Amino acid sequence: MAKINFYLRDKEAGADTPILLFVSYSGVRLTNYPTGETIDPALWDAKEQRVKQTRKFPAYPEFNTRLSNIATTAEDVLRKFLNDHDHQPPTVKAYRALLDEQFDRMPKAEEVK
């Protein structure tokens, strides 16, 4: 189906940095999609693409669950699109718009003005 990855915007940052979502599907790749989550790079496990299990960050289970939920939602959005469109994959722009809608990142009418 889709391959989901999480990367840090700046793995060398000295403070919290955004976590970005990358999704590969049907030869297409959505990159640099903001998850809305940030983390100190020292707490990030690049191999597992999750926060390290450490006492320095006791909320790591909940944080990692949020990342898993984001990945599941991204897969669900893609699966629904494929089912609704005779298994034709969305363009990156269309998929990004669907994710924006799902994660409630659409600009509000008053913000558009």
N, C-alpha and C. Protein backbone atom coordinates (compact mmCIF):
# COMPACT_ATOMS: atom_id res chain seq x y z
N MET A 1 0.85 -1.19 0.00
CA MET A 1 0.00 0.00 0.00
C MET A 1 0.89 1.24 0.00
N ALA A 2 0.97 1.91 1.11
CA ALA A 2 1.78 3.13 1.22
C ALA A 2 2.91 2.88 2.21
N LYS A 3 3.98 3.59 1.99
CA LYS A 3 5.09 3.55 2.94
C LYS A 3 5.10 4.89 3.67
N ILE A 4 5.01 4.82 4.99
CA ILE A 4 4.93 6.01 5.83
C ILE A 4 6.24 6.18 6.58
N ASN A 5 6.79 7.38 6.55
CA ASN A 5 8.01 7.69 7.29
C ASN A 5 7.86 9.02 8.00
N PHE A 6 8.57 9.14 9.11
CA PHE A 6 8.64 10.40 9.84
C PHE A 6 10.10 10.82 9.90
N TYR A 7 10.34 12.10 9.66
CA TYR A 7 11.68 12.66 9.72
C TYR A 7 11.64 13.98 10.48
N LEU A 8 12.76 14.35 11.03
CA LEU A 8 12.87 15.65 11.67
C LEU A 8 13.22 16.70 10.63
N ARG A 9 12.67 17.89 10.78
CA ARG A 9 13.01 18.97 9.85
C ARG A 9 14.50 19.30 9.97
N ASP A 10 15.00 19.35 11.21
CA ASP A 10 16.42 19.66 11.43
C ASP A 10 16.96 18.74 12.51
N LYS A 11 17.58 17.65 12.09
CA LYS A 11 18.07 16.66 13.07
C LYS A 11 19.26 17.16 13.88
N GLU A 12 19.82 18.30 13.49
CA GLU A 12 20.95 18.89 14.22
C GLU A 12 20.52 20.04 15.12
N ALA A 13 19.23 20.31 15.19
CA ALA A 13 18.73 21.45 15.97
C ALA A 13 19.08 21.30 17.45
N GLY A 14 19.28 22.42 18.11
CA GLY A 14 19.58 22.41 19.53
C GLY A 14 18.33 22.51 20.40
N ALA A 15 17.19 22.63 19.75
CA ALA A 15 15.91 22.73 20.45
C ALA A 15 14.89 21.90 19.68
N ASP A 16 13.65 21.92 20.14
CA ASP A 16 12.59 21.17 19.47
C ASP A 16 12.51 21.55 17.99
N THR A 17 12.29 20.54 17.16
CA THR A 17 12.17 20.72 15.72
C THR A 17 10.94 19.97 15.23
N PRO A 18 10.28 20.44 14.20
CA PRO A 18 9.08 19.77 13.71
C PRO A 18 9.36 18.37 13.17
N ILE A 19 8.36 17.51 13.33
CA ILE A 19 8.39 16.16 12.76
C ILE A 19 7.56 16.21 11.49
N LEU A 20 8.13 15.72 10.39
CA LEU A 20 7.47 15.77 9.09
C LEU A 20 7.08 14.36 8.65
N LEU A 21 5.98 14.28 7.94
CA LEU A 21 5.46 13.03 7.40
C LEU A 21 5.83 12.93 5.93
N PHE A 22 6.31 11.77 5.52
CA PHE A 22 6.60 11.46 4.13
C PHE A 22 5.78 10.21 3.79
N VAL A 23 5.08 10.24 2.67
CA VAL A 23 4.27 9.09 2.26
C VAL A 23 4.62 8.75 0.82
N SER A 24 4.97 7.49 0.57
CA SER A 24 5.24 7.01 -0.78
C SER A 24 4.13 6.03 -1.17
N TYR A 25 3.56 6.23 -2.36
CA TYR A 25 2.49 5.36 -2.84
C TYR A 25 2.46 5.39 -4.36
N SER A 26 2.30 4.26 -4.96
CA SER A 26 2.15 4.15 -6.42
C SER A 26 3.17 4.97 -7.20
N GLY A 27 4.41 4.95 -6.76
CA GLY A 27 5.46 5.69 -7.44
C GLY A 27 5.43 7.19 -7.21
N VAL A 28 4.59 7.65 -6.29
CA VAL A 28 4.44 9.07 -5.97
C VAL A 28 4.92 9.27 -4.54
N ARG A 29 5.44 10.47 -4.25
CA ARG A 29 5.93 10.72 -2.90
C ARG A 29 5.48 12.09 -2.40
N LEU A 30 4.72 12.06 -1.32
CA LEU A 30 4.35 13.28 -0.61
C LEU A 30 5.45 13.52 0.42
N THR A 31 6.06 14.68 0.39
CA THR A 31 7.15 14.97 1.32
C THR A 31 6.85 16.21 2.15
N ASN A 32 7.54 16.29 3.27
CA ASN A 32 7.50 17.47 4.13
C ASN A 32 6.10 17.87 4.59
N TYR A 33 5.26 16.88 4.88
CA TYR A 33 3.93 17.21 5.39
C TYR A 33 4.04 17.40 6.90
N PRO A 34 3.65 18.57 7.41
CA PRO A 34 3.79 18.83 8.85
C PRO A 34 2.83 17.99 9.68
N THR A 35 3.36 17.37 10.73
CA THR A 35 2.52 16.58 11.62
C THR A 35 1.92 17.42 12.73
N GLY A 36 2.49 18.59 12.96
CA GLY A 36 2.05 19.41 14.08
C GLY A 36 2.77 19.06 15.37
N GLU A 37 3.65 18.09 15.32
CA GLU A 37 4.42 17.65 16.49
C GLU A 37 5.86 18.13 16.38
N THR A 38 6.46 18.43 17.52
CA THR A 38 7.88 18.79 17.57
C THR A 38 8.56 17.96 18.65
N ILE A 39 9.87 17.80 18.50
CA ILE A 39 10.63 17.02 19.48
C ILE A 39 12.09 17.47 19.46
N ASP A 40 12.73 17.34 20.59
CA ASP A 40 14.17 17.59 20.68
C ASP A 40 14.88 16.46 19.93
N PRO A 41 15.76 16.76 18.98
CA PRO A 41 16.44 15.71 18.23
C PRO A 41 17.18 14.70 19.10
N ALA A 42 17.61 15.10 20.29
CA ALA A 42 18.30 14.17 21.18
C ALA A 42 17.37 13.05 21.66
N LEU A 43 16.07 13.27 21.58
CA LEU A 43 15.09 12.27 22.02
C LEU A 43 14.54 11.42 20.88
N TRP A 44 14.99 11.69 19.66
CA TRP A 44 14.45 11.03 18.48
C TRP A 44 15.27 9.82 18.09
N ASP A 45 14.60 8.71 17.81
CA ASP A 45 15.23 7.49 17.31
C ASP A 45 14.98 7.44 15.80
N ALA A 46 15.97 7.82 15.02
CA ALA A 46 15.82 7.93 13.57
C ALA A 46 15.52 6.57 12.93
N LYS A 47 16.09 5.52 13.47
CA LYS A 47 15.86 4.19 12.90
C LYS A 47 14.40 3.76 13.08
N GLU A 48 13.88 3.95 14.27
CA GLU A 48 12.49 3.56 14.57
C GLU A 48 11.48 4.63 14.14
N GLN A 49 11.97 5.83 13.90
CA GLN A 49 11.14 6.98 13.53
C GLN A 49 10.08 7.25 14.59
N ARG A 50 10.54 7.19 15.83
CA ARG A 50 9.70 7.45 17.00
C ARG A 50 10.58 8.06 18.08
N VAL A 51 9.94 8.53 19.14
CA VAL A 51 10.67 9.08 20.28
C VAL A 51 11.28 7.92 21.06
N LYS A 52 12.49 8.13 21.55
CA LYS A 52 13.16 7.11 22.34
C LYS A 52 12.41 6.86 23.65
N GLN A 53 12.48 5.64 24.12
CA GLN A 53 11.91 5.29 25.42
C GLN A 53 12.93 5.72 26.47
N THR A 54 12.64 6.84 27.12
CA THR A 54 13.60 7.39 28.05
C THR A 54 12.90 8.10 29.20
N ARG A 55 13.55 8.14 30.33
CA ARG A 55 13.02 8.87 31.49
C ARG A 55 13.05 10.38 31.26
N LYS A 56 13.90 10.82 30.35
CA LYS A 56 13.99 12.25 30.06
C LYS A 56 12.70 12.77 29.42
N PHE A 57 11.92 11.88 28.84
CA PHE A 57 10.66 12.25 28.20
C PHE A 57 9.61 11.20 28.57
N PRO A 58 9.04 11.34 29.78
CA PRO A 58 8.12 10.31 30.26
C PRO A 58 6.83 10.18 29.44
N ALA A 59 6.50 11.16 28.65
CA ALA A 59 5.29 11.09 27.83
C ALA A 59 5.53 10.39 26.49
N TYR A 60 6.67 9.70 26.34
CA TYR A 60 6.98 9.09 25.05
C TYR A 60 5.92 8.10 24.57
N PRO A 61 5.25 7.32 25.43
CA PRO A 61 4.24 6.39 24.88
C PRO A 61 3.09 7.13 24.20
N GLU A 62 2.61 8.19 24.84
CA GLU A 62 1.51 8.95 24.26
C GLU A 62 1.95 9.66 22.98
N PHE A 63 3.16 10.19 22.99
CA PHE A 63 3.70 10.89 21.82
C PHE A 63 3.80 9.92 20.64
N ASN A 64 4.35 8.74 20.89
CA ASN A 64 4.50 7.75 19.82
C ASN A 64 3.13 7.26 19.34
N THR A 65 2.17 7.19 20.23
CA THR A 65 0.81 6.82 19.83
C THR A 65 0.23 7.88 18.90
N ARG A 66 0.47 9.15 19.19
CA ARG A 66 0.00 10.22 18.29
C ARG A 66 0.62 10.06 16.90
N LEU A 67 1.91 9.75 16.84
CA LEU A 67 2.55 9.55 15.54
C LEU A 67 1.94 8.34 14.82
N SER A 68 1.68 7.28 15.55
CA SER A 68 1.04 6.10 14.95
C SER A 68 -0.35 6.44 14.43
N ASN A 69 -1.08 7.26 15.17
CA ASN A 69 -2.41 7.68 14.73
C ASN A 69 -2.34 8.52 13.46
N ILE A 70 -1.33 9.37 13.37
CA ILE A 70 -1.14 10.18 12.16
C ILE A 70 -0.86 9.26 10.97
N ALA A 71 -0.01 8.26 11.17
CA ALA A 71 0.31 7.31 10.09
C ALA A 71 -0.93 6.54 9.67
N THR A 72 -1.71 6.10 10.62
CA THR A 72 -2.94 5.35 10.32
C THR A 72 -3.92 6.22 9.55
N THR A 73 -4.07 7.46 9.96
CA THR A 73 -4.97 8.38 9.27
C THR A 73 -4.50 8.61 7.84
N ALA A 74 -3.20 8.80 7.64
CA ALA A 74 -2.67 9.01 6.28
C ALA A 74 -2.96 7.80 5.40
N GLU A 75 -2.81 6.59 5.95
CA GLU A 75 -3.11 5.38 5.19
C GLU A 75 -4.61 5.28 4.89
N ASP A 76 -5.44 5.60 5.88
CA ASP A 76 -6.89 5.53 5.69
C ASP A 76 -7.37 6.50 4.62
N VAL A 77 -6.83 7.72 4.62
CA VAL A 77 -7.21 8.71 3.62
C VAL A 77 -6.84 8.21 2.22
N LEU A 78 -5.65 7.63 2.08
CA LEU A 78 -5.22 7.11 0.78
C LEU A 78 -6.10 5.93 0.37
N ARG A 79 -6.36 5.01 1.28
CA ARG A 79 -7.17 3.83 0.99
C ARG A 79 -8.58 4.25 0.53
N LYS A 80 -9.17 5.21 1.22
CA LYS A 80 -10.51 5.68 0.85
C LYS A 80 -10.50 6.29 -0.54
N PHE A 81 -9.48 7.10 -0.84
CA PHE A 81 -9.39 7.71 -2.17
C PHE A 81 -9.28 6.62 -3.24
N LEU A 82 -8.42 5.64 -3.01
CA LEU A 82 -8.25 4.56 -3.99
C LEU A 82 -9.56 3.80 -4.20
N ASN A 83 -10.27 3.51 -3.12
CA ASN A 83 -11.54 2.79 -3.22
C ASN A 83 -12.59 3.62 -3.96
N ASP A 84 -12.59 4.91 -3.74
CA ASP A 84 -13.59 5.79 -4.36
C ASP A 84 -13.27 6.16 -5.80
N HIS A 85 -12.02 5.93 -6.23
CA HIS A 85 -11.59 6.35 -7.57
C HIS A 85 -11.01 5.20 -8.38
N ASP A 86 -11.64 4.03 -8.27
CA ASP A 86 -11.26 2.87 -9.08
C ASP A 86 -9.76 2.58 -9.01
N HIS A 87 -9.20 2.71 -7.84
CA HIS A 87 -7.79 2.41 -7.54
C HIS A 87 -6.80 3.30 -8.28
N GLN A 88 -7.25 4.48 -8.72
CA GLN A 88 -6.35 5.46 -9.31
C GLN A 88 -5.78 6.32 -8.18
N PRO A 89 -4.46 6.38 -8.04
CA PRO A 89 -3.88 7.15 -6.93
C PRO A 89 -4.08 8.66 -7.10
N PRO A 90 -4.19 9.36 -5.99
CA PRO A 90 -4.33 10.81 -6.06
C PRO A 90 -3.00 11.47 -6.43
N THR A 91 -3.09 12.66 -6.97
CA THR A 91 -1.88 13.44 -7.18
C THR A 91 -1.38 13.88 -5.81
N VAL A 92 -0.15 14.32 -5.74
CA VAL A 92 0.40 14.80 -4.47
C VAL A 92 -0.43 15.97 -3.96
N LYS A 93 -0.81 16.86 -4.86
CA LYS A 93 -1.60 18.03 -4.46
C LYS A 93 -2.96 17.61 -3.90
N ALA A 94 -3.61 16.66 -4.55
CA ALA A 94 -4.91 16.19 -4.08
C ALA A 94 -4.77 15.46 -2.74
N TYR A 95 -3.75 14.65 -2.60
CA TYR A 95 -3.53 13.91 -1.35
C TYR A 95 -3.23 14.87 -0.20
N ARG A 96 -2.41 15.87 -0.47
CA ARG A 96 -2.10 16.89 0.55
C ARG A 96 -3.38 17.60 0.98
N ALA A 97 -4.24 17.94 0.02
CA ALA A 97 -5.50 18.61 0.34
C ALA A 97 -6.41 17.71 1.18
N LEU A 98 -6.44 16.42 0.86
CA LEU A 98 -7.24 15.48 1.64
C LEU A 98 -6.71 15.36 3.07
N LEU A 99 -5.39 15.33 3.21
CA LEU A 99 -4.80 15.28 4.55
C LEU A 99 -5.09 16.56 5.32
N ASP A 100 -4.98 17.70 4.64
CA ASP A 100 -5.30 18.99 5.28
C ASP A 100 -6.73 18.98 5.81
N GLU A 101 -7.63 18.46 5.00
CA GLU A 101 -9.04 18.39 5.41
C GLU A 101 -9.20 17.44 6.60
N GLN A 102 -8.57 16.28 6.54
CA GLN A 102 -8.69 15.28 7.60
C GLN A 102 -8.10 15.80 8.91
N PHE A 103 -6.98 16.50 8.83
CA PHE A 103 -6.32 17.01 10.04
C PHE A 103 -6.81 18.41 10.41
N ASP A 104 -7.87 18.85 9.75
CA ASP A 104 -8.50 20.14 10.04
C ASP A 104 -7.50 21.29 9.91
N ARG A 105 -6.77 21.29 8.80
CA ARG A 105 -5.78 22.34 8.56
C ARG A 105 -6.22 23.28 7.45
N MET A 106 -7.49 23.24 7.14
CA MET A 106 -8.01 24.13 6.10
C MET A 106 -8.10 25.54 6.67
N PRO A 107 -7.72 26.55 5.90
CA PRO A 107 -7.83 27.92 6.41
C PRO A 107 -9.29 28.29 6.63
N LYS A 108 -9.54 28.95 7.72
CA LYS A 108 -10.89 29.40 8.02
C LYS A 108 -11.21 30.61 7.14
N ALA A 109 -12.48 30.84 6.87
CA ALA A 109 -12.90 31.90 5.96
C ALA A 109 -12.30 33.25 6.36
N GLU A 110 -12.28 33.54 7.66
CA GLU A 110 -11.75 34.82 8.10
C GLU A 110 -10.23 34.92 7.91
N GLU A 111 -9.53 33.77 7.83
CA GLU A 111 -8.09 33.77 7.62
C GLU A 111 -7.75 33.99 6.15
N VAL A 112 -8.65 33.69 5.26
CA VAL A 112 -8.40 33.78 3.82
C VAL A 112 -8.42 35.22 3.36
N LYS A 113 -9.18 36.06 4.02
CA LYS A 113 -9.34 37.47 3.61
C LYS A 113 -8.05 38.23 3.55
